[in-house]
Amino acid sequence: MGKRCDITFKLSEAEREFIDRLGQQVQTDGMSRIMGQIWAVLILSDEALCASDLVDVLSISKGSVSTNIRTLESMGVLERRSRIGARQEYFYITSNPYSALIHAQIARVDRTKQIVSDARARISKPATRSKLAEFERFYGVLHEKLFLVADELKATSEDADK
């Protein structure tokens, strides 16, 4: 990787593979492959990176960086920083971003559970209502377990900060 924003680092084969594989997995999960790749690069970097660094490492456009950075920022995965005298903004992984991801997942689970609950309240066919009740129970259990995961992540993050 070239030097763009006072950061220079070379990627090993294992790091390149991690970037590629995380990008593919994030894409499989329905998000942008580039978003996963940006996330991976930020995980690998010891310092905050600017958009030019990400453009250089991933060989992508500044527009792609900008779009995907905004999404990662809205998910609570990364934050922006500025430096005195620097025109660029720098991006870094937030502390315990995984808790934010779990809470976003909880919100999606709750929305889906509400859709199922609403359908169950309005549909009178017994066989369908039974299936919907099972579906609703699934989302109820998932919601409960995701909160336990979020609590565990928060506790381990607080322990690591000590």
C-alpha atoms as a PDB file:
ATOM      1  CA  MET A   1       0.000   0.000   0.000  1.00  0.00           C
ATOM      2  CA  GLY A   2       1.294   3.467  -0.759  1.00  0.00           C
ATOM      3  CA  LYS A   3       1.597   6.330   1.663  1.00  0.00           C
ATOM      4  CA  ARG A   4      -1.389   8.675   1.431  1.00  0.00           C
ATOM      5  CA  CYS A   5      -2.402  10.034   4.844  1.00  0.00           C
ATOM      6  CA  ASP A   6       0.695   9.503   6.960  1.00  0.00           C
ATOM      7  CA  ILE A   7      -0.077   5.771   7.111  1.00  0.00           C
ATOM      8  CA  THR A   8       1.901   3.078   5.342  1.00  0.00           C
ATOM      9  CA  PHE A   9       1.467  -0.632   5.789  1.00  0.00           C
ATOM     10  CA  LYS A  10       1.851  -3.731   3.724  1.00  0.00           C
ATOM     11  CA  LEU A  11      -0.677  -6.524   3.815  1.00  0.00           C
ATOM     12  CA  SER A  12       0.317 -10.145   4.256  1.00  0.00           C
ATOM     13  CA  GLU A  13      -1.365 -12.881   2.253  1.00  0.00           C
ATOM     14  CA  ALA A  14      -3.418 -13.838   5.343  1.00  0.00           C
ATOM     15  CA  GLU A  15      -4.571 -10.219   5.757  1.00  0.00           C
ATOM     16  CA  ARG A  16      -5.533  -9.956   2.074  1.00  0.00           C
ATOM     17  CA  GLU A  17      -7.487 -13.192   2.415  1.00  0.00           C
ATOM     18  CA  PHE A  18      -9.246 -11.866   5.541  1.00  0.00           C
ATOM     19  CA  ILE A  19     -10.248  -8.689   3.672  1.00  0.00           C
ATOM     20  CA  ASP A  20     -11.572 -10.706   0.735  1.00  0.00           C
ATOM     21  CA  ARG A  21     -13.408 -13.288   2.852  1.00  0.00           C
ATOM     22  CA  LEU A  22     -15.028 -10.745   5.187  1.00  0.00           C
ATOM     23  CA  GLY A  23     -16.156  -8.769   2.132  1.00  0.00           C
ATOM     24  CA  GLN A  24     -17.704 -11.909   0.648  1.00  0.00           C
ATOM     25  CA  GLN A  25     -19.432 -12.822   3.918  1.00  0.00           C
ATOM     26  CA  VAL A  26     -20.863  -9.349   4.413  1.00  0.00           C
ATOM     27  CA  GLN A  27     -22.152  -9.499   0.833  1.00  0.00           C
ATOM     28  CA  THR A  28     -23.713 -12.915   1.535  1.00  0.00           C
ATOM     29  CA  ASP A  29     -25.424 -11.291   4.529  1.00  0.00           C
ATOM     30  CA  GLY A  30     -27.053  -8.790   2.136  1.00  0.00           C
ATOM     31  CA  MET A  31     -24.747  -5.812   2.492  1.00  0.00           C
ATOM     32  CA  SER A  32     -22.016  -4.395   0.300  1.00  0.00           C
ATOM     33  CA  ARG A  33     -18.874  -6.454  -0.279  1.00  0.00           C
ATOM     34  CA  ILE A  34     -16.871  -3.217  -0.193  1.00  0.00           C
ATOM     35  CA  MET A  35     -18.353  -2.394   3.210  1.00  0.00           C
ATOM     36  CA  GLY A  36     -17.008  -5.684   4.543  1.00  0.00           C
ATOM     37  CA  GLN A  37     -13.624  -5.019   2.981  1.00  0.00           C
ATOM     38  CA  ILE A  38     -13.415  -1.529   4.510  1.00  0.00           C
ATOM     39  CA  TRP A  39     -14.346  -2.976   7.882  1.00  0.00           C
ATOM     40  CA  ALA A  40     -11.636  -5.632   7.523  1.00  0.00           C
ATOM     41  CA  VAL A  41      -8.958  -3.061   6.600  1.00  0.00           C
ATOM     42  CA  LEU A  42      -9.890  -0.937   9.614  1.00  0.00           C
ATOM     43  CA  ILE A  43      -9.685  -3.997  11.862  1.00  0.00           C
ATOM     44  CA  LEU A  44      -6.201  -4.744  10.508  1.00  0.00           C
ATOM     45  CA  SER A  45      -4.914  -1.194  10.817  1.00  0.00           C
ATOM     46  CA  ASP A  46      -3.208  -0.055  14.004  1.00  0.00           C
ATOM     47  CA  GLU A  47      -4.217   3.534  13.257  1.00  0.00           C
ATOM     48  CA  ALA A  48      -7.197   5.438  11.919  1.00  0.00           C
ATOM     49  CA  LEU A  49      -7.213   5.581   8.106  1.00  0.00           C
ATOM     50  CA  CYS A  50      -8.382   8.261   5.716  1.00  0.00           C
ATOM     51  CA  ALA A  51     -10.494   7.716   2.621  1.00  0.00           C
ATOM     52  CA  SER A  52      -7.419   7.891   0.372  1.00  0.00           C
ATOM     53  CA  ASP A  53      -5.838   5.023   2.303  1.00  0.00           C
ATOM     54  CA  LEU A  54      -8.941   2.909   1.767  1.00  0.00           C
ATOM     55  CA  VAL A  55      -9.082   3.841  -1.921  1.00  0.00           C
ATOM     56  CA  ASP A  56      -5.443   2.804  -2.266  1.00  0.00           C
ATOM     57  CA  VAL A  57      -5.645  -0.480  -0.329  1.00  0.00           C
ATOM     58  CA  LEU A  58      -8.872  -1.702  -1.912  1.00  0.00           C
ATOM     59  CA  SER A  59      -8.520  -0.135  -5.377  1.00  0.00           C
ATOM     60  CA  ILE A  60     -12.010   1.346  -5.176  1.00  0.00           C
ATOM     61  CA  SER A  61     -13.450   4.798  -5.859  1.00  0.00           C
ATOM     62  CA  LYS A  62     -13.708   7.546  -3.277  1.00  0.00           C
ATOM     63  CA  GLY A  63     -17.475   7.467  -3.824  1.00  0.00           C
ATOM     64  CA  SER A  64     -17.601   3.791  -2.824  1.00  0.00           C
ATOM     65  CA  VAL A  65     -15.535   4.549   0.260  1.00  0.00           C
ATOM     66  CA  SER A  66     -17.789   7.449   1.202  1.00  0.00           C
ATOM     67  CA  THR A  67     -21.026   5.517   0.728  1.00  0.00           C
ATOM     68  CA  ASN A  68     -19.847   2.490   2.685  1.00  0.00           C
ATOM     69  CA  ILE A  69     -18.217   4.557   5.440  1.00  0.00           C
ATOM     70  CA  ARG A  70     -21.555   6.296   6.039  1.00  0.00           C
ATOM     71  CA  THR A  71     -23.290   2.919   6.335  1.00  0.00           C
ATOM     72  CA  LEU A  72     -20.674   1.537   8.749  1.00  0.00           C
ATOM     73  CA  GLU A  73     -20.908   4.764  10.740  1.00  0.00           C
ATOM     74  CA  SER A  74     -24.708   4.511  10.967  1.00  0.00           C
ATOM     75  CA  MET A  75     -24.318   0.894  12.147  1.00  0.00           C
ATOM     76  CA  GLY A  76     -22.077   2.065  14.983  1.00  0.00           C
ATOM     77  CA  VAL A  77     -19.061   0.153  13.679  1.00  0.00           C
ATOM     78  CA  LEU A  78     -16.783   3.101  13.010  1.00  0.00           C
ATOM     79  CA  GLU A  79     -16.320   6.761  13.817  1.00  0.00           C
ATOM     80  CA  ARG A  80     -14.675   9.735  12.162  1.00  0.00           C
ATOM     81  CA  ARG A  81     -11.822  11.747  13.581  1.00  0.00           C
ATOM     82  CA  SER A  82     -10.104  14.859  12.398  1.00  0.00           C
ATOM     83  CA  ARG A  83      -6.541  15.916  13.034  1.00  0.00           C
ATOM     84  CA  ILE A  84      -5.359  19.444  13.605  1.00  0.00           C
ATOM     85  CA  GLY A  85      -3.991  20.818  10.358  1.00  0.00           C
ATOM     86  CA  ALA A  86      -5.221  17.868   8.285  1.00  0.00           C
ATOM     87  CA  ARG A  87      -7.826  18.254   5.586  1.00  0.00           C
ATOM     88  CA  GLN A  88      -8.732  14.565   5.587  1.00  0.00           C
ATOM     89  CA  GLU A  89     -11.085  12.828   7.968  1.00  0.00           C
ATOM     90  CA  TYR A  90      -9.834   9.630   9.577  1.00  0.00           C
ATOM     91  CA  PHE A  91     -11.854   6.518  10.321  1.00  0.00           C
ATOM     92  CA  TYR A  92     -11.424   3.973  13.091  1.00  0.00           C
ATOM     93  CA  ILE A  93     -13.321   1.059  14.561  1.00  0.00           C
ATOM     94  CA  THR A  94     -15.324   2.094  17.614  1.00  0.00           C
ATOM     95  CA  SER A  95     -14.751   0.325  20.883  1.00  0.00           C
ATOM     96  CA  ASN A  96     -17.113  -2.644  21.114  1.00  0.00           C
ATOM     97  CA  PRO A  97     -18.792  -2.164  17.720  1.00  0.00           C
ATOM     98  CA  TYR A  98     -20.294  -5.620  18.019  1.00  0.00           C
ATOM     99  CA  SER A  99     -22.718  -4.523  20.704  1.00  0.00           C
ATOM    100  CA  ALA A 100     -24.073  -1.930  18.256  1.00  0.00           C
ATOM    101  CA  LEU A 101     -24.453  -4.655  15.628  1.00  0.00           C
ATOM    102  CA  ILE A 102     -26.365  -6.843  18.079  1.00  0.00           C
ATOM    103  CA  HIS A 103     -28.706  -3.976  18.969  1.00  0.00           C
ATOM    104  CA  ALA A 104     -29.342  -3.361  15.269  1.00  0.00           C
ATOM    105  CA  GLN A 105     -30.127  -7.063  14.891  1.00  0.00           C
ATOM    106  CA  ILE A 106     -32.494  -6.862  17.870  1.00  0.00           C
ATOM    107  CA  ALA A 107     -34.346  -4.002  16.170  1.00  0.00           C
ATOM    108  CA  ARG A 108     -34.691  -6.085  12.957  1.00  0.00           C
ATOM    109  CA  VAL A 109     -35.924  -9.084  14.974  1.00  0.00           C
ATOM    110  CA  ASP A 110     -38.471  -6.891  16.770  1.00  0.00           C
ATOM    111  CA  ARG A 111     -39.784  -5.477  13.477  1.00  0.00           C
ATOM    112  CA  THR A 112     -40.170  -8.963  12.014  1.00  0.00           C
ATOM    113  CA  LYS A 113     -41.814 -10.263  15.176  1.00  0.00           C
ATOM    114  CA  GLN A 114     -44.304  -7.384  15.001  1.00  0.00           C
ATOM    115  CA  ILE A 115     -45.175  -8.256  11.388  1.00  0.00           C
ATOM    116  CA  VAL A 116     -45.800 -11.874  12.412  1.00  0.00           C
ATOM    117  CA  SER A 117     -47.787 -10.804  15.469  1.00  0.00           C
ATOM    118  CA  ASP A 118     -49.944  -8.446  13.408  1.00  0.00           C
ATOM    119  CA  ALA A 119     -50.636 -11.204  10.881  1.00  0.00           C
ATOM    120  CA  ARG A 120     -51.513 -13.662  13.635  1.00  0.00           C
ATOM    121  CA  ALA A 121     -53.979 -11.176  15.121  1.00  0.00           C
ATOM    122  CA  ARG A 122     -55.729 -10.677  11.774  1.00  0.00           C
ATOM    123  CA  ILE A 123     -55.654 -14.159  10.246  1.00  0.00           C
ATOM    124  CA  SER A 124     -58.348 -16.528  11.497  1.00  0.00           C
ATOM    125  CA  LYS A 125     -57.376 -19.809   9.815  1.00  0.00           C
ATOM    126  CA  PRO A 126     -56.325 -22.112  12.723  1.00  0.00           C
ATOM    127  CA  ALA A 127     -53.502 -23.926  10.893  1.00  0.00           C
ATOM    128  CA  THR A 128     -51.968 -20.633   9.778  1.00  0.00           C
ATOM    129  CA  ARG A 129     -52.363 -19.090  13.230  1.00  0.00           C
ATOM    130  CA  SER A 130     -50.549 -22.065  14.706  1.00  0.00           C
ATOM    131  CA  LYS A 131     -47.635 -21.637  12.298  1.00  0.00           C
ATOM    132  CA  LEU A 132     -47.565 -17.910  12.972  1.00  0.00           C
ATOM    133  CA  ALA A 133     -47.545 -18.548  16.744  1.00  0.00           C
ATOM    134  CA  GLU A 134     -44.505 -20.795  16.324  1.00  0.00           C
ATOM    135  CA  PHE A 135     -42.843 -18.162  14.116  1.00  0.00           C
ATOM    136  CA  GLU A 136     -43.612 -15.450  16.689  1.00  0.00           C
ATOM    137  CA  ARG A 137     -42.190 -17.604  19.494  1.00  0.00           C
ATOM    138  CA  PHE A 138     -39.006 -18.092  17.456  1.00  0.00           C
ATOM    139  CA  TYR A 139     -38.531 -14.322  17.191  1.00  0.00           C
ATOM    140  CA  GLY A 140     -39.341 -13.889  20.882  1.00  0.00           C
ATOM    141  CA  VAL A 141     -36.640 -16.368  21.890  1.00  0.00           C
ATOM    142  CA  LEU A 142     -34.191 -14.850  19.410  1.00  0.00           C
ATOM    143  CA  HIS A 143     -34.859 -11.373  20.828  1.00  0.00           C
ATOM    144  CA  GLU A 144     -34.239 -12.614  24.375  1.00  0.00           C
ATOM    145  CA  LYS A 145     -30.999 -14.405  23.455  1.00  0.00           C
ATOM    146  CA  LEU A 146     -29.667 -11.462  21.463  1.00  0.00           C
ATOM    147  CA  PHE A 147     -30.099  -9.249  24.540  1.00  0.00           C
ATOM    148  CA  LEU A 148     -28.058 -11.780  26.524  1.00  0.00           C
ATOM    149  CA  VAL A 149     -25.335 -11.619  23.872  1.00  0.00           C
ATOM    150  CA  ALA A 150     -25.371  -7.802  23.956  1.00  0.00           C
ATOM    151  CA  ASP A 151     -25.056  -7.832  27.741  1.00  0.00           C
ATOM    152  CA  GLU A 152     -22.166 -10.312  27.549  1.00  0.00           C
ATOM    153  CA  LEU A 153     -20.359  -8.209  24.947  1.00  0.00           C
ATOM    154  CA  LYS A 154     -20.828  -5.105  27.050  1.00  0.00           C
ATOM    155  CA  ALA A 155     -19.506  -6.852  30.167  1.00  0.00           C
ATOM    156  CA  THR A 156     -16.439  -8.258  28.415  1.00  0.00           C
ATOM    157  CA  SER A 157     -15.760  -4.871  26.829  1.00  0.00           C
ATOM    158  CA  GLU A 158     -15.949  -3.165  30.231  1.00  0.00           C
ATOM    159  CA  ASP A 159     -13.595  -5.814  31.671  1.00  0.00           C
ATOM    160  CA  ALA A 160     -11.112  -5.210  28.844  1.00  0.00           C
ATOM    161  CA  ASP A 161     -11.194  -1.436  29.478  1.00  0.00           C
ATOM    162  CA  LYS A 162     -10.117  -1.913  33.108  1.00  0.00           C
END
